[in-house]
Amino acid sequence: MSDMRRIGTLFTHFQMEVNRTSEESTVHVKDMISRDNFASLEIAIQNASSTEDSQIKSELKLSFYYLLKKLAKVI
């Protein structure tokens, strides 16, 4: 359950970043592992793993790494 919530949180940050930088209207989860969207994914991870006072949660970043690796295997 917590893995799905983390992926969902990352996906919402990713979706906001892609909508801000491009004109695509629909974004899918499989777009997160696309090489074309790597810069947007990197910014989404930065935004999702930082606090309001701009401290980075390194454990959360590591968790995102393993979740994206698992997501790539499933997709």
C-alpha atoms as a PDB file:
ATOM      1  CA  MET A   1       0.000   0.000   0.000  1.00  0.00           C
ATOM      2  CA  SER A   2       2.723   2.466   0.899  1.00  0.00           C
ATOM      3  CA  ASP A   3       4.569   1.724  -2.348  1.00  0.00           C
ATOM      4  CA  MET A   4       1.470   2.585  -4.351  1.00  0.00           C
ATOM      5  CA  ARG A   5       1.045   5.832  -2.420  1.00  0.00           C
ATOM      6  CA  ARG A   6       4.662   6.789  -3.053  1.00  0.00           C
ATOM      7  CA  ILE A   7       4.364   6.040  -6.768  1.00  0.00           C
ATOM      8  CA  GLY A   8       1.112   8.037  -6.839  1.00  0.00           C
ATOM      9  CA  THR A   9       2.771  10.999  -5.163  1.00  0.00           C
ATOM     10  CA  LEU A  10       5.702  10.844  -7.548  1.00  0.00           C
ATOM     11  CA  PHE A  11       3.349  10.550 -10.509  1.00  0.00           C
ATOM     12  CA  THR A  12       1.399  13.675  -9.508  1.00  0.00           C
ATOM     13  CA  HIS A  13       4.637  15.647  -9.253  1.00  0.00           C
ATOM     14  CA  PHE A  14       5.753  14.196 -12.585  1.00  0.00           C
ATOM     15  CA  GLN A  15       2.407  15.030 -14.198  1.00  0.00           C
ATOM     16  CA  MET A  16       2.587  18.648 -13.002  1.00  0.00           C
ATOM     17  CA  GLU A  17       6.131  18.967 -14.337  1.00  0.00           C
ATOM     18  CA  VAL A  18       5.292  17.483 -17.747  1.00  0.00           C
ATOM     19  CA  ASN A  19       2.199  19.686 -18.068  1.00  0.00           C
ATOM     20  CA  ARG A  20       4.333  22.714 -17.198  1.00  0.00           C
ATOM     21  CA  THR A  21       7.086  21.955 -19.716  1.00  0.00           C
ATOM     22  CA  SER A  22       5.204  20.488 -22.665  1.00  0.00           C
ATOM     23  CA  GLU A  23       1.851  20.647 -24.374  1.00  0.00           C
ATOM     24  CA  GLU A  24       0.870  17.007 -23.795  1.00  0.00           C
ATOM     25  CA  SER A  25      -2.642  16.713 -22.431  1.00  0.00           C
ATOM     26  CA  THR A  26      -2.465  13.167 -21.092  1.00  0.00           C
ATOM     27  CA  VAL A  27       0.396  11.671 -19.165  1.00  0.00           C
ATOM     28  CA  HIS A  28       0.603   7.989 -18.289  1.00  0.00           C
ATOM     29  CA  VAL A  29       2.620   6.159 -15.670  1.00  0.00           C
ATOM     30  CA  LYS A  30       4.656   4.444 -18.365  1.00  0.00           C
ATOM     31  CA  ASP A  31       5.845   7.905 -19.447  1.00  0.00           C
ATOM     32  CA  MET A  32       7.814   8.151 -16.192  1.00  0.00           C
ATOM     33  CA  ILE A  33      10.280   5.507 -17.374  1.00  0.00           C
ATOM     34  CA  SER A  34      10.603   6.919 -20.874  1.00  0.00           C
ATOM     35  CA  ARG A  35      14.035   8.283 -21.706  1.00  0.00           C
ATOM     36  CA  ASP A  36      12.483  11.384 -23.309  1.00  0.00           C
ATOM     37  CA  ASN A  37      10.970  12.460 -19.980  1.00  0.00           C
ATOM     38  CA  PHE A  38      14.032  11.891 -17.801  1.00  0.00           C
ATOM     39  CA  ALA A  39      14.539  15.583 -17.027  1.00  0.00           C
ATOM     40  CA  SER A  40      10.926  15.930 -15.889  1.00  0.00           C
ATOM     41  CA  LEU A  41      11.244  12.804 -13.747  1.00  0.00           C
ATOM     42  CA  GLU A  42      14.405  14.150 -12.158  1.00  0.00           C
ATOM     43  CA  ILE A  43      12.686  17.415 -11.225  1.00  0.00           C
ATOM     44  CA  ALA A  44       9.630  15.517  -9.957  1.00  0.00           C
ATOM     45  CA  ILE A  45      11.844  13.408  -7.678  1.00  0.00           C
ATOM     46  CA  GLN A  46      13.540  16.547  -6.375  1.00  0.00           C
ATOM     47  CA  ASN A  47      10.169  18.166  -5.670  1.00  0.00           C
ATOM     48  CA  ALA A  48       8.643  15.067  -4.094  1.00  0.00           C
ATOM     49  CA  SER A  49      11.621  14.378  -1.834  1.00  0.00           C
ATOM     50  CA  SER A  50      12.251  17.882  -0.528  1.00  0.00           C
ATOM     51  CA  THR A  51      10.589  19.567   2.411  1.00  0.00           C
ATOM     52  CA  GLU A  52       9.250  23.094   2.643  1.00  0.00           C
ATOM     53  CA  ASP A  53      12.552  24.411   4.005  1.00  0.00           C
ATOM     54  CA  SER A  54      14.378  22.806   1.035  1.00  0.00           C
ATOM     55  CA  GLN A  55      15.938  19.924   2.941  1.00  0.00           C
ATOM     56  CA  ILE A  56      16.239  16.755   0.903  1.00  0.00           C
ATOM     57  CA  LYS A  57      15.020  13.449   2.299  1.00  0.00           C
ATOM     58  CA  SER A  58      17.628  11.037   0.998  1.00  0.00           C
ATOM     59  CA  GLU A  59      15.770   7.939   2.272  1.00  0.00           C
ATOM     60  CA  LEU A  60      12.738   8.911   0.204  1.00  0.00           C
ATOM     61  CA  LYS A  61      14.919   9.386  -2.874  1.00  0.00           C
ATOM     62  CA  LEU A  62      16.342   5.901  -2.370  1.00  0.00           C
ATOM     63  CA  SER A  63      12.819   4.545  -1.987  1.00  0.00           C
ATOM     64  CA  PHE A  64      11.831   6.185  -5.285  1.00  0.00           C
ATOM     65  CA  TYR A  65      14.828   4.527  -6.940  1.00  0.00           C
ATOM     66  CA  TYR A  66      13.750   1.037  -5.924  1.00  0.00           C
ATOM     67  CA  LEU A  67      10.117   1.726  -6.769  1.00  0.00           C
ATOM     68  CA  LEU A  68      10.992   2.978 -10.252  1.00  0.00           C
ATOM     69  CA  LYS A  69      13.201  -0.042 -10.779  1.00  0.00           C
ATOM     70  CA  LYS A  70      10.299  -2.307  -9.784  1.00  0.00           C
ATOM     71  CA  LEU A  71       7.904  -0.294 -11.986  1.00  0.00           C
ATOM     72  CA  ALA A  72      10.220  -0.710 -14.986  1.00  0.00           C
ATOM     73  CA  LYS A  73      10.270  -4.471 -14.493  1.00  0.00           C
ATOM     74  CA  VAL A  74       6.469  -4.621 -14.326  1.00  0.00           C
ATOM     75  CA  ILE A  75       5.902  -2.400 -17.356  1.00  0.00           C
END
